[in-house]
């Protein structure tokens, strides 16, 4: 059976877990037997496809549209494209959704405070000190998705939980065949367990 192409688009503040989770999703898709999977990380794209672009709104929009264009080409050729980019502006994400069609938006929801605490790359520290201008979340806005297919609470969820949440959504949307690992979602399992406890069975 020919693999169906689609795009999984990770969006969220810097430090919200996009790169980590996109790599885990890539591994899980390959584990499930998908051969054609490509990961486009925002930082890598910046140094390759979008070299020379700055961080003005216009340049950011151009960068995100370029990533979207690559995802569109990959998806229509039967490849699963995984994009991990801050993509702060709603309008451009919606533009990519319309262009690509088979588009699954994954919002890595994480408070600014938690992202600053993590500050893996040290950029927040520089932005707060005024050394970096137009930094998303500090002096440039991040527009949360209004209707993402998946919302991940990356402050509280373990990465494995987040990945399973994405997989279940891809199954329910028909992009992946369902696995027989569990007949319940994690939330449903908890409810069943609680009900059995209340009845004295556990």
C-alpha atoms as a PDB file:
ATOM      1  CA  UNK A   1       0.000   0.000   0.000  1.00  0.00           C
ATOM      2  CA  UNK A   2       1.382   3.410  -0.981  1.00  0.00           C
ATOM      3  CA  UNK A   3       2.149   5.679   1.928  1.00  0.00           C
ATOM      4  CA  UNK A   4       0.052   8.831   2.176  1.00  0.00           C
ATOM      5  CA  UNK A   5       1.961  12.048   2.589  1.00  0.00           C
ATOM      6  CA  UNK A   6       1.031  14.643   5.188  1.00  0.00           C
ATOM      7  CA  UNK A   7       2.639  17.355   7.308  1.00  0.00           C
ATOM      8  CA  UNK A   8       2.963  17.474  11.092  1.00  0.00           C
ATOM      9  CA  UNK A   9       3.661  21.088  12.036  1.00  0.00           C
ATOM     10  CA  UNK A  10       5.083  21.756  15.504  1.00  0.00           C
ATOM     11  CA  UNK A  11       4.671  25.318  16.735  1.00  0.00           C
ATOM     12  CA  UNK A  12       5.455  26.933  20.088  1.00  0.00           C
ATOM     13  CA  UNK A  13       7.859  29.202  21.891  1.00  0.00           C
ATOM     14  CA  UNK A  14      11.591  28.587  21.824  1.00  0.00           C
ATOM     15  CA  UNK A  15      12.289  25.963  24.489  1.00  0.00           C
ATOM     16  CA  UNK A  16       8.782  24.501  24.417  1.00  0.00           C
ATOM     17  CA  UNK A  17       9.996  21.086  23.239  1.00  0.00           C
ATOM     18  CA  UNK A  18       9.365  21.210  19.471  1.00  0.00           C
ATOM     19  CA  UNK A  19      12.717  19.786  18.365  1.00  0.00           C
ATOM     20  CA  UNK A  20      12.790  17.044  20.997  1.00  0.00           C
ATOM     21  CA  UNK A  21       9.237  15.901  20.269  1.00  0.00           C
ATOM     22  CA  UNK A  22       9.574  16.138  16.480  1.00  0.00           C
ATOM     23  CA  UNK A  23      12.601  13.807  16.630  1.00  0.00           C
ATOM     24  CA  UNK A  24      10.687  11.360  18.833  1.00  0.00           C
ATOM     25  CA  UNK A  25       7.717  11.430  16.443  1.00  0.00           C
ATOM     26  CA  UNK A  26      10.069  10.815  13.499  1.00  0.00           C
ATOM     27  CA  UNK A  27      11.514   7.771  15.318  1.00  0.00           C
ATOM     28  CA  UNK A  28       8.060   6.455  16.222  1.00  0.00           C
ATOM     29  CA  UNK A  29       6.806   6.783  12.639  1.00  0.00           C
ATOM     30  CA  UNK A  30       9.850   4.864  11.384  1.00  0.00           C
ATOM     31  CA  UNK A  31       9.314   2.251  14.097  1.00  0.00           C
ATOM     32  CA  UNK A  32       5.800   1.812  12.754  1.00  0.00           C
ATOM     33  CA  UNK A  33       7.192   1.028   9.343  1.00  0.00           C
ATOM     34  CA  UNK A  34       6.908   4.345   7.491  1.00  0.00           C
ATOM     35  CA  UNK A  35       9.823   4.630   5.094  1.00  0.00           C
ATOM     36  CA  UNK A  36       9.458   8.178   3.825  1.00  0.00           C
ATOM     37  CA  UNK A  37       9.738  10.598   6.734  1.00  0.00           C
ATOM     38  CA  UNK A  38      11.591  13.921   6.636  1.00  0.00           C
ATOM     39  CA  UNK A  39      12.237  16.242   9.574  1.00  0.00           C
ATOM     40  CA  UNK A  40      12.671  19.959   8.916  1.00  0.00           C
ATOM     41  CA  UNK A  41      13.961  21.737  12.001  1.00  0.00           C
ATOM     42  CA  UNK A  42      13.603  25.517  12.101  1.00  0.00           C
ATOM     43  CA  UNK A  43      17.168  26.116  13.245  1.00  0.00           C
ATOM     44  CA  UNK A  44      18.629  23.942  10.474  1.00  0.00           C
ATOM     45  CA  UNK A  45      16.407  25.582   7.836  1.00  0.00           C
ATOM     46  CA  UNK A  46      17.654  28.990   8.998  1.00  0.00           C
ATOM     47  CA  UNK A  47      21.240  28.045   8.162  1.00  0.00           C
ATOM     48  CA  UNK A  48      20.408  26.328   4.859  1.00  0.00           C
ATOM     49  CA  UNK A  49      17.187  27.300   3.068  1.00  0.00           C
ATOM     50  CA  UNK A  50      16.748  30.714   4.701  1.00  0.00           C
ATOM     51  CA  UNK A  51      20.312  31.901   5.127  1.00  0.00           C
ATOM     52  CA  UNK A  52      20.460  35.678   5.027  1.00  0.00           C
ATOM     53  CA  UNK A  53      16.964  36.244   6.371  1.00  0.00           C
ATOM     54  CA  UNK A  54      16.647  38.338   9.514  1.00  0.00           C
ATOM     55  CA  UNK A  55      13.965  38.388  12.205  1.00  0.00           C
ATOM     56  CA  UNK A  56      11.648  41.114  10.981  1.00  0.00           C
ATOM     57  CA  UNK A  57       8.025  40.031  10.558  1.00  0.00           C
ATOM     58  CA  UNK A  58       8.478  39.945   6.783  1.00  0.00           C
ATOM     59  CA  UNK A  59      11.587  37.755   7.011  1.00  0.00           C
ATOM     60  CA  UNK A  60       9.966  35.436   9.557  1.00  0.00           C
ATOM     61  CA  UNK A  61       6.945  35.055   7.286  1.00  0.00           C
ATOM     62  CA  UNK A  62       9.194  34.282   4.310  1.00  0.00           C
ATOM     63  CA  UNK A  63      11.088  31.676   6.333  1.00  0.00           C
ATOM     64  CA  UNK A  64       7.900  29.906   7.470  1.00  0.00           C
ATOM     65  CA  UNK A  65       6.423  29.992   3.955  1.00  0.00           C
ATOM     66  CA  UNK A  66       9.631  28.431   2.615  1.00  0.00           C
ATOM     67  CA  UNK A  67       9.389  25.597   5.133  1.00  0.00           C
ATOM     68  CA  UNK A  68       5.719  25.230   4.208  1.00  0.00           C
ATOM     69  CA  UNK A  69       6.570  25.047   0.501  1.00  0.00           C
ATOM     70  CA  UNK A  70       9.058  22.215   1.113  1.00  0.00           C
ATOM     71  CA  UNK A  71       6.485  20.398   3.270  1.00  0.00           C
ATOM     72  CA  UNK A  72       3.904  20.782   0.494  1.00  0.00           C
ATOM     73  CA  UNK A  73       6.250  19.217  -2.091  1.00  0.00           C
ATOM     74  CA  UNK A  74       7.178  16.372   0.247  1.00  0.00           C
ATOM     75  CA  UNK A  75       3.592  15.661   1.345  1.00  0.00           C
ATOM     76  CA  UNK A  76       2.191  15.518  -2.165  1.00  0.00           C
ATOM     77  CA  UNK A  77       4.921  13.018  -3.064  1.00  0.00           C
ATOM     78  CA  UNK A  78       3.960  10.587  -0.321  1.00  0.00           C
ATOM     79  CA  UNK A  79       6.425  11.792   2.304  1.00  0.00           C
ATOM     80  CA  UNK A  80       5.543  12.538   5.925  1.00  0.00           C
ATOM     81  CA  UNK A  81       7.019  15.996   6.514  1.00  0.00           C
ATOM     82  CA  UNK A  82       7.641  17.021  10.116  1.00  0.00           C
ATOM     83  CA  UNK A  83       8.303  20.723  10.648  1.00  0.00           C
ATOM     84  CA  UNK A  84       9.511  22.143  13.953  1.00  0.00           C
ATOM     85  CA  UNK A  85       9.578  25.938  13.871  1.00  0.00           C
ATOM     86  CA  UNK A  86       8.421  28.642  16.285  1.00  0.00           C
ATOM     87  CA  UNK A  87       6.205  30.030  13.476  1.00  0.00           C
ATOM     88  CA  UNK A  88       4.844  32.768  15.737  1.00  0.00           C
ATOM     89  CA  UNK A  89       2.226  34.247  13.430  1.00  0.00           C
ATOM     90  CA  UNK A  90      -1.170  32.609  13.021  1.00  0.00           C
ATOM     91  CA  UNK A  91      -1.807  34.000   9.554  1.00  0.00           C
ATOM     92  CA  UNK A  92       1.248  32.317   8.035  1.00  0.00           C
ATOM     93  CA  UNK A  93       0.566  28.986   9.740  1.00  0.00           C
ATOM     94  CA  UNK A  94      -2.974  29.140   8.339  1.00  0.00           C
ATOM     95  CA  UNK A  95      -1.535  29.985   4.914  1.00  0.00           C
ATOM     96  CA  UNK A  96       0.619  26.843   5.064  1.00  0.00           C
ATOM     97  CA  UNK A  97      -2.351  24.774   6.217  1.00  0.00           C
ATOM     98  CA  UNK A  98      -4.341  25.909   3.182  1.00  0.00           C
ATOM     99  CA  UNK A  99      -1.437  25.329   0.792  1.00  0.00           C
ATOM    100  CA  UNK A 100      -0.519  21.873   2.112  1.00  0.00           C
ATOM    101  CA  UNK A 101      -3.993  20.509   2.812  1.00  0.00           C
ATOM    102  CA  UNK A 102      -2.971  17.426   4.804  1.00  0.00           C
ATOM    103  CA  UNK A 103      -1.753  19.507   7.718  1.00  0.00           C
ATOM    104  CA  UNK A 104      -1.707  18.536  11.390  1.00  0.00           C
ATOM    105  CA  UNK A 105      -0.886  21.434  13.712  1.00  0.00           C
ATOM    106  CA  UNK A 106       0.743  20.453  16.994  1.00  0.00           C
ATOM    107  CA  UNK A 107       0.940  23.209  19.584  1.00  0.00           C
ATOM    108  CA  UNK A 108       3.687  22.737  22.173  1.00  0.00           C
ATOM    109  CA  UNK A 109       2.103  24.731  24.968  1.00  0.00           C
ATOM    110  CA  UNK A 110       4.575  25.907  27.576  1.00  0.00           C
ATOM    111  CA  UNK A 111       4.581  29.045  29.700  1.00  0.00           C
ATOM    112  CA  UNK A 112       7.116  31.734  28.911  1.00  0.00           C
ATOM    113  CA  UNK A 113       8.470  31.396  32.464  1.00  0.00           C
ATOM    114  CA  UNK A 114       9.203  27.680  31.935  1.00  0.00           C
ATOM    115  CA  UNK A 115      10.809  28.334  28.543  1.00  0.00           C
ATOM    116  CA  UNK A 116      13.005  31.065  30.054  1.00  0.00           C
ATOM    117  CA  UNK A 117      13.975  28.674  32.851  1.00  0.00           C
ATOM    118  CA  UNK A 118      15.037  26.054  30.317  1.00  0.00           C
ATOM    119  CA  UNK A 119      16.718  28.580  27.947  1.00  0.00           C
ATOM    120  CA  UNK A 120      18.676  25.807  26.254  1.00  0.00           C
ATOM    121  CA  UNK A 121      20.323  28.129  23.727  1.00  0.00           C
ATOM    122  CA  UNK A 122      20.794  31.137  26.022  1.00  0.00           C
ATOM    123  CA  UNK A 123      18.721  33.357  23.720  1.00  0.00           C
ATOM    124  CA  UNK A 124      16.162  34.450  26.319  1.00  0.00           C
ATOM    125  CA  UNK A 125      18.954  35.722  28.561  1.00  0.00           C
ATOM    126  CA  UNK A 126      20.324  37.823  25.688  1.00  0.00           C
ATOM    127  CA  UNK A 127      16.846  39.045  24.705  1.00  0.00           C
ATOM    128  CA  UNK A 128      16.038  40.064  28.280  1.00  0.00           C
ATOM    129  CA  UNK A 129      19.361  41.924  28.428  1.00  0.00           C
ATOM    130  CA  UNK A 130      18.446  43.730  25.203  1.00  0.00           C
ATOM    131  CA  UNK A 131      21.209  42.046  23.205  1.00  0.00           C
ATOM    132  CA  UNK A 132      18.700  40.398  20.827  1.00  0.00           C
ATOM    133  CA  UNK A 133      15.827  42.409  19.399  1.00  0.00           C
ATOM    134  CA  UNK A 134      12.420  41.150  18.188  1.00  0.00           C
ATOM    135  CA  UNK A 135      12.693  37.918  20.154  1.00  0.00           C
ATOM    136  CA  UNK A 136       9.473  35.886  20.230  1.00  0.00           C
ATOM    137  CA  UNK A 137       7.828  35.972  23.645  1.00  0.00           C
ATOM    138  CA  UNK A 138       9.954  38.898  24.880  1.00  0.00           C
ATOM    139  CA  UNK A 139       9.488  41.874  22.552  1.00  0.00           C
ATOM    140  CA  UNK A 140       7.773  40.112  19.674  1.00  0.00           C
ATOM    141  CA  UNK A 141       4.408  38.318  19.945  1.00  0.00           C
ATOM    142  CA  UNK A 142       3.629  34.620  19.751  1.00  0.00           C
ATOM    143  CA  UNK A 143       0.099  34.008  18.503  1.00  0.00           C
ATOM    144  CA  UNK A 144      -1.304  30.781  19.926  1.00  0.00           C
ATOM    145  CA  UNK A 145      -3.109  28.489  17.474  1.00  0.00           C
ATOM    146  CA  UNK A 146      -6.897  28.756  17.754  1.00  0.00           C
ATOM    147  CA  UNK A 147      -7.777  25.260  16.528  1.00  0.00           C
ATOM    148  CA  UNK A 148      -4.701  23.024  16.541  1.00  0.00           C
ATOM    149  CA  UNK A 149      -5.252  19.309  15.996  1.00  0.00           C
ATOM    150  CA  UNK A 150      -3.085  18.536  19.030  1.00  0.00           C
ATOM    151  CA  UNK A 151      -2.217  20.559  22.143  1.00  0.00           C
ATOM    152  CA  UNK A 152       0.707  19.261  24.194  1.00  0.00           C
ATOM    153  CA  UNK A 153       1.241  20.484  27.738  1.00  0.00           C
ATOM    154  CA  UNK A 154       5.012  20.227  27.562  1.00  0.00           C
ATOM    155  CA  UNK A 155       5.457  21.609  31.073  1.00  0.00           C
ATOM    156  CA  UNK A 156       3.647  18.661  32.643  1.00  0.00           C
ATOM    157  CA  UNK A 157       3.503  15.822  30.124  1.00  0.00           C
ATOM    158  CA  UNK A 158       6.325  13.368  29.754  1.00  0.00           C
ATOM    159  CA  UNK A 159       7.672  13.330  26.155  1.00  0.00           C
ATOM    160  CA  UNK A 160       6.367   9.757  25.696  1.00  0.00           C
ATOM    161  CA  UNK A 161       2.849  10.904  26.646  1.00  0.00           C
ATOM    162  CA  UNK A 162       3.009  13.766  24.158  1.00  0.00           C
ATOM    163  CA  UNK A 163       4.173  11.450  21.375  1.00  0.00           C
ATOM    164  CA  UNK A 164       1.356   8.988  22.068  1.00  0.00           C
ATOM    165  CA  UNK A 165      -1.141  11.864  21.976  1.00  0.00           C
ATOM    166  CA  UNK A 166       0.114  12.798  18.489  1.00  0.00           C
ATOM    167  CA  UNK A 167       0.027   9.179  17.308  1.00  0.00           C
ATOM    168  CA  UNK A 168      -3.562   8.730  18.470  1.00  0.00           C
ATOM    169  CA  UNK A 169      -4.592  11.901  16.631  1.00  0.00           C
ATOM    170  CA  UNK A 170      -2.863  10.730  13.428  1.00  0.00           C
ATOM    171  CA  UNK A 171      -4.709   7.423  13.760  1.00  0.00           C
ATOM    172  CA  UNK A 172      -8.075   9.117  14.318  1.00  0.00           C
ATOM    173  CA  UNK A 173      -7.506  11.372  11.284  1.00  0.00           C
ATOM    174  CA  UNK A 174      -6.768   8.306   9.147  1.00  0.00           C
ATOM    175  CA  UNK A 175      -3.114   9.089   8.489  1.00  0.00           C
ATOM    176  CA  UNK A 176      -1.908   6.035  10.412  1.00  0.00           C
ATOM    177  CA  UNK A 177      -3.469   2.598  10.868  1.00  0.00           C
ATOM    178  CA  UNK A 178      -4.527   2.153  14.495  1.00  0.00           C
ATOM    179  CA  UNK A 179      -2.353  -0.022  16.688  1.00  0.00           C
ATOM    180  CA  UNK A 180      -3.825  -2.629  18.956  1.00  0.00           C
ATOM    181  CA  UNK A 181      -1.703  -1.602  21.923  1.00  0.00           C
ATOM    182  CA  UNK A 182      -4.576  -0.042  23.870  1.00  0.00           C
ATOM    183  CA  UNK A 183      -8.333   0.185  23.472  1.00  0.00           C
ATOM    184  CA  UNK A 184      -8.447   3.269  25.700  1.00  0.00           C
ATOM    185  CA  UNK A 185      -6.773   6.660  25.673  1.00  0.00           C
ATOM    186  CA  UNK A 186      -4.662   7.522  28.748  1.00  0.00           C
ATOM    187  CA  UNK A 187      -7.514   9.635  30.171  1.00  0.00           C
ATOM    188  CA  UNK A 188     -10.042   6.856  29.587  1.00  0.00           C
ATOM    189  CA  UNK A 189      -7.751   4.327  31.255  1.00  0.00           C
ATOM    190  CA  UNK A 190      -7.570   6.548  34.343  1.00  0.00           C
ATOM    191  CA  UNK A 191     -11.366   6.835  34.464  1.00  0.00           C
ATOM    192  CA  UNK A 192     -11.807   3.065  34.163  1.00  0.00           C
ATOM    193  CA  UNK A 193      -9.210   2.500  36.867  1.00  0.00           C
ATOM    194  CA  UNK A 194     -10.909   5.024  39.172  1.00  0.00           C
ATOM    195  CA  UNK A 195     -14.313   3.429  38.574  1.00  0.00           C
ATOM    196  CA  UNK A 196     -12.951  -0.018  39.413  1.00  0.00           C
ATOM    197  CA  UNK A 197     -11.313   1.388  42.558  1.00  0.00           C
ATOM    198  CA  UNK A 198     -14.616   2.985  43.613  1.00  0.00           C
ATOM    199  CA  UNK A 199     -16.368  -0.348  43.133  1.00  0.00           C
ATOM    200  CA  UNK A 200     -13.725  -2.043  45.258  1.00  0.00           C
ATOM    201  CA  UNK A 201     -12.214  -4.191  42.515  1.00  0.00           C
ATOM    202  CA  UNK A 202      -8.762  -2.616  42.741  1.00  0.00           C
END
